[in-house]
Structure formats: structure tokens, C-alpha cells
Amino acid sequence: MPDDLQSPAPRTLREVLDRYYRAMLDKSADDLADLYAVDAVHEFPFTSPGFPPRFEGREAVRAGYRAAWGASPARVEEIRRISAYETTEPGVLVAEQVVVGTLPATGTSFSVPGLLVLHVHEGLLTRVRDYMDGVGVAAARS
């Protein structure tokens, strides 16, 4: 494992969020997973078809998103950041966004609202609660 994953340069909460969004736009499971601590947990409190309720560990995040993004024809074109709030709890950021994209085969556009609760310690995500619109995700994947 590269040294920068074991002890990354300190990242602010907003830098982590920016990198998270960049990984989504690029559909890069590796870039996304590299933001996580080895033992991090990524939860989906609102279940959606085709997604497990959680990923446990960086490598589960990598494998899960590699499979999901690899199987999806959807192309994310923009992530509209509605708001991002640092909470009174150190290392916690709440972000509201809308993911906008198209299905290339049909040209159909989609938008999926969501809310992320990111817990960051020493520059790495330790816990993510990912509240996605399950119906919107299902529509974007078909």
C-alpha cells in the first residue's frame, strides 16, 4: 500500500468532499476508496435496488463502487452542491447535492438528490452515511 494512503497529507473537510465529488464524476472507484480509512464504514440508510446497506472497509468500498459504476451506463455530468455544513462535532460535514447526468444510449437525463454525512479523521473518511434517492438511483441505472 502506498505510504500516502497510510498517512495522507491533512485534508480539510471541504477538500475531502471535493475529492469525493471528483471521484463520482470520474466514476473512479479507486480515487473514491483512497479517501477512506482502512476500517471505514459507508452506510446507505435509504436502501436502493442493487446496493447493499453498507460497505465495511476501504476495499469493500472500492469493490462495491467498481461493480456499481462499472455496471451502470449512467454518465454523471455534474454534481450540484446545494449546501455543505461543518457541524459542531469536529470532523463532521453534512453535504446536500443533486447528481445530474444522462443515459448515453437513450439520451435520457436524470437528477438524483442526496445527502452525505462525512466523518473525517486525520484526512480520511472513517464513516459515511449516504442518503440517496433510491427511486432516482434505480431510474439512473436503467
Protein backbone atom coordinates (compact mmCIF):
# COMPACT_ATOMS: atom_id res chain seq x y z
CA MET A 1 0.00 0.00 0.00
CA PRO A 2 1.41 3.43 -0.89
CA ASP A 3 2.57 5.49 2.08
CA ASP A 4 0.22 8.36 1.21
CA LEU A 5 -2.78 6.11 1.95
CA GLN A 6 -1.48 5.21 5.38
CA SER A 7 -0.78 8.78 6.43
CA PRO A 8 -2.13 11.27 3.89
CA ALA A 9 -1.37 14.93 3.96
CA PRO A 10 -4.00 16.57 6.13
CA ARG A 11 -7.16 17.27 4.15
CA THR A 12 -9.84 19.68 5.20
CA LEU A 13 -13.45 18.51 5.27
CA ARG A 14 -14.17 20.52 2.13
CA GLU A 15 -11.15 19.07 0.33
CA VAL A 16 -12.39 15.57 1.13
CA LEU A 17 -15.83 16.49 -0.21
CA ASP A 18 -14.31 17.97 -3.39
CA ARG A 19 -12.28 14.80 -3.98
CA TYR A 20 -15.33 12.65 -3.25
CA TYR A 21 -17.31 14.54 -5.91
CA ARG A 22 -14.41 14.34 -8.38
CA ALA A 23 -14.28 10.54 -7.95
CA MET A 24 -18.02 10.39 -8.63
CA LEU A 25 -17.70 12.48 -11.78
CA ASP A 26 -14.82 10.29 -12.98
CA LYS A 27 -16.57 7.08 -11.86
CA SER A 28 -13.25 6.20 -10.21
CA ALA A 29 -13.75 3.60 -7.50
CA ASP A 30 -10.03 3.74 -6.76
CA ASP A 31 -9.99 7.51 -6.20
CA LEU A 32 -13.09 7.23 -4.02
CA ALA A 33 -11.77 4.32 -1.95
CA ASP A 34 -8.44 6.07 -1.44
CA LEU A 35 -10.30 8.74 0.56
CA TYR A 36 -11.31 6.12 3.17
CA ALA A 37 -9.53 4.79 6.23
CA VAL A 38 -8.80 1.06 6.06
CA ASP A 39 -11.61 0.24 8.51
CA ALA A 40 -14.12 2.89 7.40
CA VAL A 41 -17.83 2.21 7.06
CA HIS A 42 -20.03 3.54 4.24
CA GLU A 43 -23.74 3.21 5.01
CA PHE A 44 -26.84 3.59 2.84
CA PRO A 45 -29.66 4.29 5.34
CA PHE A 46 -32.20 4.53 2.50
CA THR A 47 -31.72 1.28 0.64
CA SER A 48 -31.98 1.25 -3.11
CA PRO A 49 -32.16 -1.67 -5.52
CA GLY A 50 -28.75 -3.15 -6.24
CA PHE A 51 -26.98 -1.57 -3.29
CA PRO A 52 -26.13 -3.28 -0.01
CA PRO A 53 -26.98 -1.44 3.21
CA ARG A 54 -23.28 -0.80 3.91
CA PHE A 55 -19.69 -1.35 2.87
CA GLU A 56 -17.26 -2.23 5.64
CA GLY A 57 -13.67 -1.22 4.94
CA ARG A 58 -11.83 0.64 2.20
CA GLU A 59 -11.55 -2.40 -0.04
CA ALA A 60 -15.29 -3.10 0.21
CA VAL A 61 -15.93 0.50 -0.88
CA ARG A 62 -13.53 0.01 -3.80
CA ALA A 63 -15.10 -3.29 -4.89
CA GLY A 64 -18.67 -2.12 -4.37
CA TYR A 65 -18.32 1.08 -6.34
CA ARG A 66 -16.22 -0.57 -9.03
CA ALA A 67 -19.05 -3.08 -9.57
CA ALA A 68 -21.86 -0.50 -9.36
CA TRP A 69 -20.25 2.12 -11.57
CA GLY A 70 -18.93 -0.49 -13.98
CA ALA A 71 -22.41 -1.95 -14.45
CA SER A 72 -24.16 1.40 -14.83
CA PRO A 73 -24.43 3.09 -18.21
CA ALA A 74 -25.22 6.38 -16.48
CA ARG A 75 -22.84 9.26 -17.09
CA VAL A 76 -22.63 11.81 -14.29
CA GLU A 77 -22.16 15.24 -15.82
CA GLU A 78 -22.49 17.49 -12.82
CA ILE A 79 -22.82 17.41 -9.08
CA ARG A 80 -24.72 20.46 -7.90
CA ARG A 81 -23.64 21.28 -4.40
CA ILE A 82 -26.69 22.71 -2.71
CA SER A 83 -25.06 23.18 0.68
CA ALA A 84 -22.23 21.94 2.86
CA TYR A 85 -22.15 22.46 6.60
CA GLU A 86 -19.44 21.71 9.10
CA THR A 87 -21.17 20.57 12.26
CA THR A 88 -20.30 21.35 15.84
CA GLU A 89 -18.89 17.83 16.08
CA PRO A 90 -15.26 18.02 14.93
CA GLY A 91 -14.56 16.27 11.64
CA VAL A 92 -18.19 16.03 10.50
CA LEU A 93 -19.57 17.63 7.34
CA VAL A 94 -23.12 17.41 6.01
CA ALA A 95 -23.49 17.98 2.26
CA GLU A 96 -26.63 18.22 0.18
CA GLN A 97 -26.26 17.67 -3.54
CA VAL A 98 -28.03 16.78 -6.76
CA VAL A 99 -26.28 14.41 -9.15
CA VAL A 100 -27.16 15.24 -12.75
CA GLY A 101 -26.38 13.09 -15.76
CA THR A 102 -27.56 11.18 -18.79
CA LEU A 103 -28.05 7.67 -20.04
CA PRO A 104 -25.97 7.72 -23.25
CA ALA A 105 -27.94 5.00 -25.08
CA THR A 106 -31.19 6.95 -24.86
CA GLY A 107 -30.05 10.49 -24.12
CA THR A 108 -32.40 10.48 -21.15
CA SER A 109 -31.34 12.86 -18.42
CA PHE A 110 -31.67 12.24 -14.71
CA SER A 111 -31.16 14.03 -11.43
CA VAL A 112 -30.73 12.28 -8.11
CA PRO A 113 -30.88 14.31 -4.89
CA GLY A 114 -28.88 13.16 -1.93
CA LEU A 115 -27.36 13.99 1.40
CA LEU A 116 -23.95 12.90 2.66
CA VAL A 117 -22.77 12.88 6.25
CA LEU A 118 -18.98 12.60 6.18
CA HIS A 119 -16.85 11.78 9.23
CA VAL A 120 -13.20 12.59 8.64
CA HIS A 121 -10.27 11.80 10.91
CA GLU A 122 -6.68 12.68 10.00
CA GLY A 123 -7.71 13.44 6.42
CA LEU A 124 -9.51 10.13 5.77
CA LEU A 125 -13.16 9.21 5.77
CA THR A 126 -13.99 6.98 8.71
CA ARG A 127 -17.75 6.87 8.26
CA VAL A 128 -20.09 7.98 5.50
CA ARG A 129 -23.87 7.98 5.69
CA ASP A 130 -25.10 8.25 2.11
CA TYR A 131 -28.78 9.21 1.84
CA MET A 132 -29.63 8.75 -1.84
CA ASP A 133 -32.99 8.93 -3.57
CA GLY A 134 -33.41 5.17 -4.21
CA VAL A 135 -36.03 5.64 -6.92
CA GLY A 136 -33.82 8.19 -8.67
CA VAL A 137 -30.81 5.86 -8.48
CA ALA A 138 -32.84 2.96 -9.94
CA ALA A 139 -34.02 5.20 -12.79
CA ALA A 140 -30.47 6.41 -13.48
CA ARG A 141 -29.17 2.84 -13.63
CA SER A 142 -31.74 1.55 -16.12
